[in-house]
Amino acid sequence: MGKFKKGESGNPKGRPVGTKNKATDEIRTRISSFIDDTFDDVVKSFRKLDDRDKLQYWTKLLEYKISKVKESELSLSMNNLTDEQVDDLFTKIVRENETN
């Protein structure tokens, strides 16, 4: 078996369309397993957070659940809220999540 010339390969048509990249597929499988295996620990850690940190955590997770709102549409800064306002928001989010 000889060397290929520059620009040639043993498979001139390339990888068939729709064929998954084995390395990427393996990484995704490992990440998925890691998430599944550690999910209970993450929930326990979440429950130990103070309300402000819980709200920030929820906000980050919601980005994966719902489409992002443009910054111009939402001009709410966590730093400008009082602790009472943060508590109220968190309570509302938890209640809405429990009903859904």
PDB file of N, CA and C in Angstrom:
ATOM      1  N   MET A   1       0.851  -1.177   0.000  1.00  0.00           N
ATOM      2  CA  MET A   1       0.000   0.000   0.000  1.00  0.00           C
ATOM      3  C   MET A   1       0.891   1.233   0.000  1.00  0.00           C
ATOM      4  N   GLY A   2       0.773   2.086  -0.985  1.00  0.00           N
ATOM      5  CA  GLY A   2       1.637   3.244  -1.116  1.00  0.00           C
ATOM      6  C   GLY A   2       1.048   4.480  -0.492  1.00  0.00           C
ATOM      7  N   LYS A   3       1.856   5.512  -0.442  1.00  0.00           N
ATOM      8  CA  LYS A   3       1.402   6.806   0.074  1.00  0.00           C
ATOM      9  C   LYS A   3       0.493   7.474  -0.943  1.00  0.00           C
ATOM     10  N   PHE A   4      -0.430   8.240  -0.434  1.00  0.00           N
ATOM     11  CA  PHE A   4      -1.311   9.002  -1.311  1.00  0.00           C
ATOM     12  C   PHE A   4      -0.634  10.310  -1.695  1.00  0.00           C
ATOM     13  N   LYS A   5      -0.983  10.791  -2.855  1.00  0.00           N
ATOM     14  CA  LYS A   5      -0.481  12.087  -3.297  1.00  0.00           C
ATOM     15  C   LYS A   5      -1.253  13.185  -2.576  1.00  0.00           C
ATOM     16  N   LYS A   6      -0.660  14.368  -2.474  1.00  0.00           N
ATOM     17  CA  LYS A   6      -1.300  15.501  -1.826  1.00  0.00           C
ATOM     18  C   LYS A   6      -2.655  15.769  -2.496  1.00  0.00           C
ATOM     19  N   GLY A   7      -3.702  15.878  -1.671  1.00  0.00           N
ATOM     20  CA  GLY A   7      -5.040  16.140  -2.188  1.00  0.00           C
ATOM     21  C   GLY A   7      -5.822  14.884  -2.512  1.00  0.00           C
ATOM     22  N   GLU A   8      -5.222  13.723  -2.345  1.00  0.00           N
ATOM     23  CA  GLU A   8      -5.912  12.464  -2.608  1.00  0.00           C
ATOM     24  C   GLU A   8      -6.032  11.687  -1.301  1.00  0.00           C
ATOM     25  N   SER A   9      -6.968  10.770  -1.274  1.00  0.00           N
ATOM     26  CA  SER A   9      -7.104   9.919  -0.093  1.00  0.00           C
ATOM     27  C   SER A   9      -7.599   8.562  -0.528  1.00  0.00           C
ATOM     28  N   GLY A  10      -7.666   7.664   0.417  1.00  0.00           N
ATOM     29  CA  GLY A  10      -8.185   6.328   0.135  1.00  0.00           C
ATOM     30  C   GLY A  10      -9.689   6.327  -0.044  1.00  0.00           C
ATOM     31  N   ASN A  11     -10.338   7.429   0.300  1.00  0.00           N
ATOM     32  CA  ASN A  11     -11.779   7.549   0.152  1.00  0.00           C
ATOM     33  C   ASN A  11     -12.071   8.890  -0.522  1.00  0.00           C
ATOM     34  N   PRO A  12     -11.964   8.955  -1.848  1.00  0.00           N
ATOM     35  CA  PRO A  12     -12.105  10.233  -2.553  1.00  0.00           C
ATOM     36  C   PRO A  12     -13.468  10.897  -2.387  1.00  0.00           C
ATOM     37  N   LYS A  13     -14.514  10.131  -2.076  1.00  0.00           N
ATOM     38  CA  LYS A  13     -15.852  10.722  -1.898  1.00  0.00           C
ATOM     39  C   LYS A  13     -16.029  11.279  -0.484  1.00  0.00           C
ATOM     40  N   GLY A  14     -15.124  10.943   0.411  1.00  0.00           N
ATOM     41  CA  GLY A  14     -15.222  11.432   1.786  1.00  0.00           C
ATOM     42  C   GLY A  14     -16.211  10.634   2.608  1.00  0.00           C
ATOM     43  N   ARG A  15     -16.434  11.107   3.801  1.00  0.00           N
ATOM     44  CA  ARG A  15     -17.368  10.452   4.714  1.00  0.00           C
ATOM     45  C   ARG A  15     -18.784  10.643   4.195  1.00  0.00           C
ATOM     46  N   PRO A  16     -19.594   9.584   4.183  1.00  0.00           N
ATOM     47  CA  PRO A  16     -20.969   9.721   3.693  1.00  0.00           C
ATOM     48  C   PRO A  16     -21.771  10.742   4.509  1.00  0.00           C
ATOM     49  N   VAL A  17     -22.672  11.450   3.851  1.00  0.00           N
ATOM     50  CA  VAL A  17     -23.516  12.442   4.505  1.00  0.00           C
ATOM     51  C   VAL A  17     -24.325  11.758   5.602  1.00  0.00           C
ATOM     52  N   GLY A  18     -24.380  12.400   6.768  1.00  0.00           N
ATOM     53  CA  GLY A  18     -25.156  11.870   7.879  1.00  0.00           C
ATOM     54  C   GLY A  18     -24.367  10.959   8.804  1.00  0.00           C
ATOM     55  N   THR A  19     -23.157  10.576   8.405  1.00  0.00           N
ATOM     56  CA  THR A  19     -22.329   9.738   9.256  1.00  0.00           C
ATOM     57  C   THR A  19     -21.839  10.570  10.432  1.00  0.00           C
ATOM     58  N   LYS A  20     -22.022  10.036  11.647  1.00  0.00           N
ATOM     59  CA  LYS A  20     -21.623  10.773  12.829  1.00  0.00           C
ATOM     60  C   LYS A  20     -20.119  10.712  13.029  1.00  0.00           C
ATOM     61  N   ASN A  21     -19.583  11.782  13.585  1.00  0.00           N
ATOM     62  CA  ASN A  21     -18.184  11.822  13.971  1.00  0.00           C
ATOM     63  C   ASN A  21     -18.056  10.980  15.236  1.00  0.00           C
ATOM     64  N   LYS A  22     -17.265   9.921  15.189  1.00  0.00           N
ATOM     65  CA  LYS A  22     -17.163   8.981  16.310  1.00  0.00           C
ATOM     66  C   LYS A  22     -16.616   9.641  17.571  1.00  0.00           C
ATOM     67  N   ALA A  23     -15.629  10.515  17.413  1.00  0.00           N
ATOM     68  CA  ALA A  23     -15.043  11.178  18.582  1.00  0.00           C
ATOM     69  C   ALA A  23     -16.063  12.090  19.255  1.00  0.00           C
ATOM     70  N   THR A  24     -16.784  12.879  18.463  1.00  0.00           N
ATOM     71  CA  THR A  24     -17.799  13.783  19.013  1.00  0.00           C
ATOM     72  C   THR A  24     -18.914  12.993  19.677  1.00  0.00           C
ATOM     73  N   ASP A  25     -19.334  11.912  19.049  1.00  0.00           N
ATOM     74  CA  ASP A  25     -20.394  11.073  19.599  1.00  0.00           C
ATOM     75  C   ASP A  25     -19.966  10.470  20.938  1.00  0.00           C
ATOM     76  N   GLU A  26     -18.709  10.044  21.035  1.00  0.00           N
ATOM     77  CA  GLU A  26     -18.207   9.469  22.284  1.00  0.00           C
ATOM     78  C   GLU A  26     -18.163  10.516  23.393  1.00  0.00           C
ATOM     79  N   ILE A  27     -17.721  11.717  23.057  1.00  0.00           N
ATOM     80  CA  ILE A  27     -17.671  12.809  24.051  1.00  0.00           C
ATOM     81  C   ILE A  27     -19.078  13.119  24.548  1.00  0.00           C
ATOM     82  N   ARG A  28     -20.028  13.225  23.629  1.00  0.00           N
ATOM     83  CA  ARG A  28     -21.420  13.512  24.029  1.00  0.00           C
ATOM     84  C   ARG A  28     -21.962  12.417  24.944  1.00  0.00           C
ATOM     85  N   THR A  29     -21.648  11.177  24.648  1.00  0.00           N
ATOM     86  CA  THR A  29     -22.093  10.052  25.476  1.00  0.00           C
ATOM     87  C   THR A  29     -21.484  10.151  26.870  1.00  0.00           C
ATOM     88  N   ARG A  30     -20.204  10.470  26.937  1.00  0.00           N
ATOM     89  CA  ARG A  30     -19.534  10.587  28.241  1.00  0.00           C
ATOM     90  C   ARG A  30     -20.101  11.748  29.057  1.00  0.00           C
ATOM     91  N   ILE A  31     -20.325  12.883  28.403  1.00  0.00           N
ATOM     92  CA  ILE A  31     -20.888  14.046  29.097  1.00  0.00           C
ATOM     93  C   ILE A  31     -22.286  13.717  29.608  1.00  0.00           C
ATOM     94  N   SER A  32     -23.081  13.071  28.784  1.00  0.00           N
ATOM     95  CA  SER A  32     -24.435  12.688  29.178  1.00  0.00           C
ATOM     96  C   SER A  32     -24.402  11.755  30.389  1.00  0.00           C
ATOM     97  N   SER A  33     -23.501  10.789  30.371  1.00  0.00           N
ATOM     98  CA  SER A  33     -23.368   9.859  31.499  1.00  0.00           C
ATOM     99  C   SER A  33     -22.942  10.601  32.762  1.00  0.00           C
ATOM    100  N   PHE A  34     -21.990  11.533  32.609  1.00  0.00           N
ATOM    101  CA  PHE A  34     -21.523  12.310  33.752  1.00  0.00           C
ATOM    102  C   PHE A  34     -22.672  13.109  34.362  1.00  0.00           C
ATOM    103  N   ILE A  35     -23.452  13.751  33.513  1.00  0.00           N
ATOM    104  CA  ILE A  35     -24.586  14.534  34.003  1.00  0.00           C
ATOM    105  C   ILE A  35     -25.585  13.635  34.716  1.00  0.00           C
ATOM    106  N   ASP A  36     -25.893  12.491  34.119  1.00  0.00           N
ATOM    107  CA  ASP A  36     -26.828  11.555  34.748  1.00  0.00           C
ATOM    108  C   ASP A  36     -26.310  11.061  36.099  1.00  0.00           C
ATOM    109  N   ASP A  37     -25.017  10.755  36.159  1.00  0.00           N
ATOM    110  CA  ASP A  37     -24.423  10.206  37.378  1.00  0.00           C
ATOM    111  C   ASP A  37     -24.303  11.227  38.504  1.00  0.00           C
ATOM    112  N   THR A  38     -24.181  12.504  38.177  1.00  0.00           N
ATOM    113  CA  THR A  38     -23.958  13.526  39.205  1.00  0.00           C
ATOM    114  C   THR A  38     -25.170  14.428  39.438  1.00  0.00           C
ATOM    115  N   PHE A  39     -26.265  14.157  38.769  1.00  0.00           N
ATOM    116  CA  PHE A  39     -27.423  15.046  38.861  1.00  0.00           C
ATOM    117  C   PHE A  39     -27.928  15.188  40.297  1.00  0.00           C
ATOM    118  N   ASP A  40     -28.011  14.094  41.034  1.00  0.00           N
ATOM    119  CA  ASP A  40     -28.498  14.165  42.419  1.00  0.00           C
ATOM    120  C   ASP A  40     -27.594  15.042  43.286  1.00  0.00           C
ATOM    121  N   ASP A  41     -26.282  14.975  43.050  1.00  0.00           N
ATOM    122  CA  ASP A  41     -25.352  15.826  43.796  1.00  0.00           C
ATOM    123  C   ASP A  41     -25.584  17.295  43.476  1.00  0.00           C
ATOM    124  N   VAL A  42     -25.865  17.591  42.214  1.00  0.00           N
ATOM    125  CA  VAL A  42     -26.117  18.970  41.807  1.00  0.00           C
ATOM    126  C   VAL A  42     -27.381  19.495  42.489  1.00  0.00           C
ATOM    127  N   VAL A  43     -28.405  18.663  42.557  1.00  0.00           N
ATOM    128  CA  VAL A  43     -29.656  19.062  43.216  1.00  0.00           C
ATOM    129  C   VAL A  43     -29.404  19.333  44.696  1.00  0.00           C
ATOM    130  N   LYS A  44     -28.632  18.475  45.358  1.00  0.00           N
ATOM    131  CA  LYS A  44     -28.311  18.687  46.777  1.00  0.00           C
ATOM    132  C   LYS A  44     -27.558  20.002  46.971  1.00  0.00           C
ATOM    133  N   SER A  45     -26.611  20.273  46.100  1.00  0.00           N
ATOM    134  CA  SER A  45     -25.847  21.523  46.191  1.00  0.00           C
ATOM    135  C   SER A  45     -26.750  22.724  45.960  1.00  0.00           C
ATOM    136  N   PHE A  46     -27.657  22.613  44.990  1.00  0.00           N
ATOM    137  CA  PHE A  46     -28.602  23.693  44.705  1.00  0.00           C
ATOM    138  C   PHE A  46     -29.426  24.027  45.944  1.00  0.00           C
ATOM    139  N   ARG A  47     -29.883  23.015  46.641  1.00  0.00           N
ATOM    140  CA  ARG A  47     -30.735  23.233  47.823  1.00  0.00           C
ATOM    141  C   ARG A  47     -29.993  23.942  48.946  1.00  0.00           C
ATOM    142  N   LYS A  48     -28.668  23.884  48.941  1.00  0.00           N
ATOM    143  CA  LYS A  48     -27.872  24.537  49.980  1.00  0.00           C
ATOM    144  C   LYS A  48     -27.601  26.012  49.671  1.00  0.00           C
ATOM    145  N   LEU A  49     -27.877  26.445  48.453  1.00  0.00           N
ATOM    146  CA  LEU A  49     -27.612  27.830  48.055  1.00  0.00           C
ATOM    147  C   LEU A  49     -28.577  28.790  48.735  1.00  0.00           C
ATOM    148  N   ASP A  50     -28.139  30.050  48.910  1.00  0.00           N
ATOM    149  CA  ASP A  50     -29.074  31.056  49.409  1.00  0.00           C
ATOM    150  C   ASP A  50     -30.005  31.447  48.264  1.00  0.00           C
ATOM    151  N   ASP A  51     -31.077  32.137  48.579  1.00  0.00           N
ATOM    152  CA  ASP A  51     -32.117  32.434  47.591  1.00  0.00           C
ATOM    153  C   ASP A  51     -31.597  33.217  46.392  1.00  0.00           C
ATOM    154  N   ARG A  52     -30.727  34.180  46.614  1.00  0.00           N
ATOM    155  CA  ARG A  52     -30.194  34.995  45.514  1.00  0.00           C
ATOM    156  C   ARG A  52     -29.407  34.101  44.543  1.00  0.00           C
ATOM    157  N   ASP A  53     -28.571  33.212  45.082  1.00  0.00           N
ATOM    158  CA  ASP A  53     -27.795  32.312  44.226  1.00  0.00           C
ATOM    159  C   ASP A  53     -28.697  31.306  43.509  1.00  0.00           C
ATOM    160  N   LYS A  54     -29.748  30.871  44.197  1.00  0.00           N
ATOM    161  CA  LYS A  54     -30.701  29.957  43.546  1.00  0.00           C
ATOM    162  C   LYS A  54     -31.354  30.628  42.343  1.00  0.00           C
ATOM    163  N   LEU A  55     -31.728  31.884  42.516  1.00  0.00           N
ATOM    164  CA  LEU A  55     -32.373  32.610  41.424  1.00  0.00           C
ATOM    165  C   LEU A  55     -31.416  32.771  40.242  1.00  0.00           C
ATOM    166  N   GLN A  56     -30.172  33.073  40.519  1.00  0.00           N
ATOM    167  CA  GLN A  56     -29.186  33.192  39.445  1.00  0.00           C
ATOM    168  C   GLN A  56     -28.976  31.849  38.747  1.00  0.00           C
ATOM    169  N   TYR A  57     -28.952  30.780  39.504  1.00  0.00           N
ATOM    170  CA  TYR A  57     -28.812  29.428  38.956  1.00  0.00           C
ATOM    171  C   TYR A  57     -29.993  29.099  38.051  1.00  0.00           C
ATOM    172  N   TRP A  58     -31.198  29.393  38.538  1.00  0.00           N
ATOM    173  CA  TRP A  58     -32.413  29.165  37.747  1.00  0.00           C
ATOM    174  C   TRP A  58     -32.348  29.936  36.437  1.00  0.00           C
ATOM    175  N   THR A  59     -31.923  31.193  36.543  1.00  0.00           N
ATOM    176  CA  THR A  59     -31.845  32.048  35.361  1.00  0.00           C
ATOM    177  C   THR A  59     -30.930  31.434  34.309  1.00  0.00           C
ATOM    178  N   LYS A  60     -29.795  30.911  34.733  1.00  0.00           N
ATOM    179  CA  LYS A  60     -28.859  30.270  33.801  1.00  0.00           C
ATOM    180  C   LYS A  60     -29.477  29.026  33.179  1.00  0.00           C
ATOM    181  N   LEU A  61     -30.156  28.219  33.986  1.00  0.00           N
ATOM    182  CA  LEU A  61     -30.773  26.993  33.471  1.00  0.00           C
ATOM    183  C   LEU A  61     -31.917  27.282  32.513  1.00  0.00           C
ATOM    184  N   LEU A  62     -32.651  28.346  32.765  1.00  0.00           N
ATOM    185  CA  LEU A  62     -33.784  28.691  31.911  1.00  0.00           C
ATOM    186  C   LEU A  62     -33.355  28.988  30.481  1.00  0.00           C
ATOM    187  N   GLU A  63     -32.106  29.422  30.300  1.00  0.00           N
ATOM    188  CA  GLU A  63     -31.609  29.696  28.953  1.00  0.00           C
ATOM    189  C   GLU A  63     -31.660  28.442  28.084  1.00  0.00           C
ATOM    190  N   TYR A  64     -31.598  27.281  28.705  1.00  0.00           N
ATOM    191  CA  TYR A  64     -31.634  26.021  27.963  1.00  0.00           C
ATOM    192  C   TYR A  64     -33.056  25.494  27.805  1.00  0.00           C
ATOM    193  N   LYS A  65     -33.979  26.070  28.534  1.00  0.00           N
ATOM    194  CA  LYS A  65     -35.373  25.622  28.501  1.00  0.00           C
ATOM    195  C   LYS A  65     -36.229  26.505  27.589  1.00  0.00           C
ATOM    196  N   ILE A  66     -35.994  27.807  27.638  1.00  0.00           N
ATOM    197  CA  ILE A  66     -36.780  28.744  26.836  1.00  0.00           C
ATOM    198  C   ILE A  66     -35.845  29.600  25.996  1.00  0.00           C
ATOM    199  N   SER A  67     -36.380  30.198  24.957  1.00  0.00           N
ATOM    200  CA  SER A  67     -35.539  31.047  24.113  1.00  0.00           C
ATOM    201  C   SER A  67     -35.164  32.304  24.875  1.00  0.00           C
ATOM    202  N   LYS A  68     -33.988  32.828  24.563  1.00  0.00           N
ATOM    203  CA  LYS A  68     -33.497  34.012  25.254  1.00  0.00           C
ATOM    204  C   LYS A  68     -34.304  35.237  24.857  1.00  0.00           C
ATOM    205  N   VAL A  69     -34.518  36.106  25.827  1.00  0.00           N
ATOM    206  CA  VAL A  69     -35.176  37.379  25.590  1.00  0.00           C
ATOM    207  C   VAL A  69     -34.078  38.388  25.286  1.00  0.00           C
ATOM    208  N   LYS A  70     -34.307  39.228  24.297  1.00  0.00           N
ATOM    209  CA  LYS A  70     -33.313  40.241  23.966  1.00  0.00           C
ATOM    210  C   LYS A  70     -33.104  41.168  25.155  1.00  0.00           C
ATOM    211  N   GLU A  71     -31.865  41.576  25.341  1.00  0.00           N
ATOM    212  CA  GLU A  71     -31.533  42.428  26.475  1.00  0.00           C
ATOM    213  C   GLU A  71     -32.368  43.701  26.483  1.00  0.00           C
ATOM    214  N   SER A  72     -32.685  44.221  25.297  1.00  0.00           N
ATOM    215  CA  SER A  72     -33.480  45.443  25.230  1.00  0.00           C
ATOM    216  C   SER A  72     -34.913  45.217  25.702  1.00  0.00           C
ATOM    217  N   GLU A  73     -35.366  43.959  25.639  1.00  0.00           N
ATOM    218  CA  GLU A  73     -36.716  43.643  26.089  1.00  0.00           C
ATOM    219  C   GLU A  73     -36.781  43.413  27.591  1.00  0.00           C
ATOM    220  N   LEU A  74     -35.647  43.119  28.182  1.00  0.00           N
ATOM    221  CA  LEU A  74     -35.614  42.822  29.612  1.00  0.00           C
ATOM    222  C   LEU A  74     -34.532  43.661  30.266  1.00  0.00           C
ATOM    223  N   SER A  75     -34.948  44.707  30.938  1.00  0.00           N
ATOM    224  CA  SER A  75     -33.954  45.578  31.565  1.00  0.00           C
ATOM    225  C   SER A  75     -34.014  45.408  33.081  1.00  0.00           C
ATOM    226  N   LEU A  76     -33.800  44.189  33.525  1.00  0.00           N
ATOM    227  CA  LEU A  76     -33.839  43.861  34.939  1.00  0.00           C
ATOM    228  C   LEU A  76     -32.432  43.480  35.378  1.00  0.00           C
ATOM    229  N   SER A  77     -31.924  44.139  36.368  1.00  0.00           N
ATOM    230  CA  SER A  77     -30.598  43.828  36.879  1.00  0.00           C
ATOM    231  C   SER A  77     -30.746  43.236  38.270  1.00  0.00           C
ATOM    232  N   MET A  78     -30.165  42.075  38.444  1.00  0.00           N
ATOM    233  CA  MET A  78     -30.242  41.412  39.743  1.00  0.00           C
ATOM    234  C   MET A  78     -29.654  42.278  40.847  1.00  0.00           C
ATOM    235  N   ASN A  79     -28.640  43.035  40.524  1.00  0.00           N
ATOM    236  CA  ASN A  79     -27.964  43.845  41.538  1.00  0.00           C
ATOM    237  C   ASN A  79     -28.826  44.994  42.041  1.00  0.00           C
ATOM    238  N   ASN A  80     -29.846  45.380  41.289  1.00  0.00           N
ATOM    239  CA  ASN A  80     -30.707  46.492  41.697  1.00  0.00           C
ATOM    240  C   ASN A  80     -31.902  46.030  42.523  1.00  0.00           C
ATOM    241  N   LEU A  81     -32.040  44.732  42.718  1.00  0.00           N
ATOM    242  CA  LEU A  81     -33.170  44.206  43.472  1.00  0.00           C
ATOM    243  C   LEU A  81     -32.844  44.111  44.954  1.00  0.00           C
ATOM    244  N   THR A  82     -33.865  44.344  45.770  1.00  0.00           N
ATOM    245  CA  THR A  82     -33.690  44.132  47.211  1.00  0.00           C
ATOM    246  C   THR A  82     -33.778  42.628  47.475  1.00  0.00           C
ATOM    247  N   ASP A  83     -33.342  42.221  48.645  1.00  0.00           N
ATOM    248  CA  ASP A  83     -33.435  40.814  49.020  1.00  0.00           C
ATOM    249  C   ASP A  83     -34.886  40.337  49.002  1.00  0.00           C
ATOM    250  N   GLU A  84     -35.795  41.207  49.436  1.00  0.00           N
ATOM    251  CA  GLU A  84     -37.219  40.861  49.451  1.00  0.00           C
ATOM    252  C   GLU A  84     -37.738  40.632  48.020  1.00  0.00           C
ATOM    253  N   GLN A  85     -37.322  41.478  47.088  1.00  0.00           N
ATOM    254  CA  GLN A  85     -37.734  41.315  45.696  1.00  0.00           C
ATOM    255  C   GLN A  85     -37.178  40.014  45.104  1.00  0.00           C
ATOM    256  N   VAL A  86     -35.931  39.698  45.432  1.00  0.00           N
ATOM    257  CA  VAL A  86     -35.326  38.447  44.958  1.00  0.00           C
ATOM    258  C   VAL A  86     -36.108  37.261  45.522  1.00  0.00           C
ATOM    259  N   ASP A  87     -36.436  37.303  46.813  1.00  0.00           N
ATOM    260  CA  ASP A  87     -37.209  36.231  47.439  1.00  0.00           C
ATOM    261  C   ASP A  87     -38.565  36.069  46.763  1.00  0.00           C
ATOM    262  N   ASP A  88     -39.238  37.192  46.488  1.00  0.00           N
ATOM    263  CA  ASP A  88     -40.544  37.155  45.831  1.00  0.00           C
ATOM    264  C   ASP A  88     -40.444  36.540  44.429  1.00  0.00           C
ATOM    265  N   LEU A  89     -39.442  36.971  43.673  1.00  0.00           N
ATOM    266  CA  LEU A  89     -39.247  36.416  42.331  1.00  0.00           C
ATOM    267  C   LEU A  89     -38.983  34.917  42.384  1.00  0.00           C
ATOM    268  N   PHE A  90     -38.117  34.524  43.295  1.00  0.00           N
ATOM    269  CA  PHE A  90     -37.778  33.113  43.413  1.00  0.00           C
ATOM    270  C   PHE A  90     -39.007  32.288  43.771  1.00  0.00           C
ATOM    271  N   THR A  91     -39.798  32.778  44.707  1.00  0.00           N
ATOM    272  CA  THR A  91     -41.017  32.075  45.117  1.00  0.00           C
ATOM    273  C   THR A  91     -41.971  31.925  43.931  1.00  0.00           C
ATOM    274  N   LYS A  92     -42.129  32.976  43.141  1.00  0.00           N
ATOM    275  CA  LYS A  92     -43.001  32.916  41.960  1.00  0.00           C
ATOM    276  C   LYS A  92     -42.484  31.911  40.945  1.00  0.00           C
ATOM    277  N   ILE A  93     -41.185  31.908  40.724  1.00  0.00           N
ATOM    278  CA  ILE A  93     -40.605  30.972  39.754  1.00  0.00           C
ATOM    279  C   ILE A  93     -40.816  29.530  40.212  1.00  0.00           C
ATOM    280  N   VAL A  94     -40.581  29.277  41.485  1.00  0.00           N
ATOM    281  CA  VAL A  94     -40.759  27.918  42.011  1.00  0.00           C
ATOM    282  C   VAL A  94     -42.212  27.487  41.884  1.00  0.00           C
ATOM    283  N   ARG A  95     -43.140  28.373  42.241  1.00  0.00           N
ATOM    284  CA  ARG A  95     -44.571  28.033  42.145  1.00  0.00           C
ATOM    285  C   ARG A  95     -44.983  27.745  40.703  1.00  0.00           C
ATOM    286  N   GLU A  96     -44.512  28.579  39.775  1.00  0.00           N
ATOM    287  CA  GLU A  96     -44.848  28.365  38.354  1.00  0.00           C
ATOM    288  C   GLU A  96     -44.254  27.057  37.852  1.00  0.00           C
ATOM    289  N   ASN A  97     -43.063  26.741  38.309  1.00  0.00           N
ATOM    290  CA  ASN A  97     -42.412  25.499  37.901  1.00  0.00           C
ATOM    291  C   ASN A  97     -43.152  24.284  38.452  1.00  0.00           C
ATOM    292  N   GLU A  98     -43.657  24.402  39.666  1.00  0.00           N
ATOM    293  CA  GLU A  98     -44.400  23.287  40.285  1.00  0.00           C
ATOM    294  C   GLU A  98     -45.722  23.038  39.559  1.00  0.00           C
ATOM    295  N   THR A  99     -46.352  24.093  39.039  1.00  0.00           N
ATOM    296  CA  THR A  99     -47.634  23.929  38.345  1.00  0.00           C
ATOM    297  C   THR A  99     -47.456  23.421  36.916  1.00  0.00           C
ATOM    298  N   ASN A 100     -46.254  23.595  36.364  1.00  0.00           N
ATOM    299  CA  ASN A 100     -45.987  23.140  34.990  1.00  0.00           C
ATOM    300  C   ASN A 100     -45.431  21.799  35.070  1.00  0.00           C
TER     301      ASN A 100
END
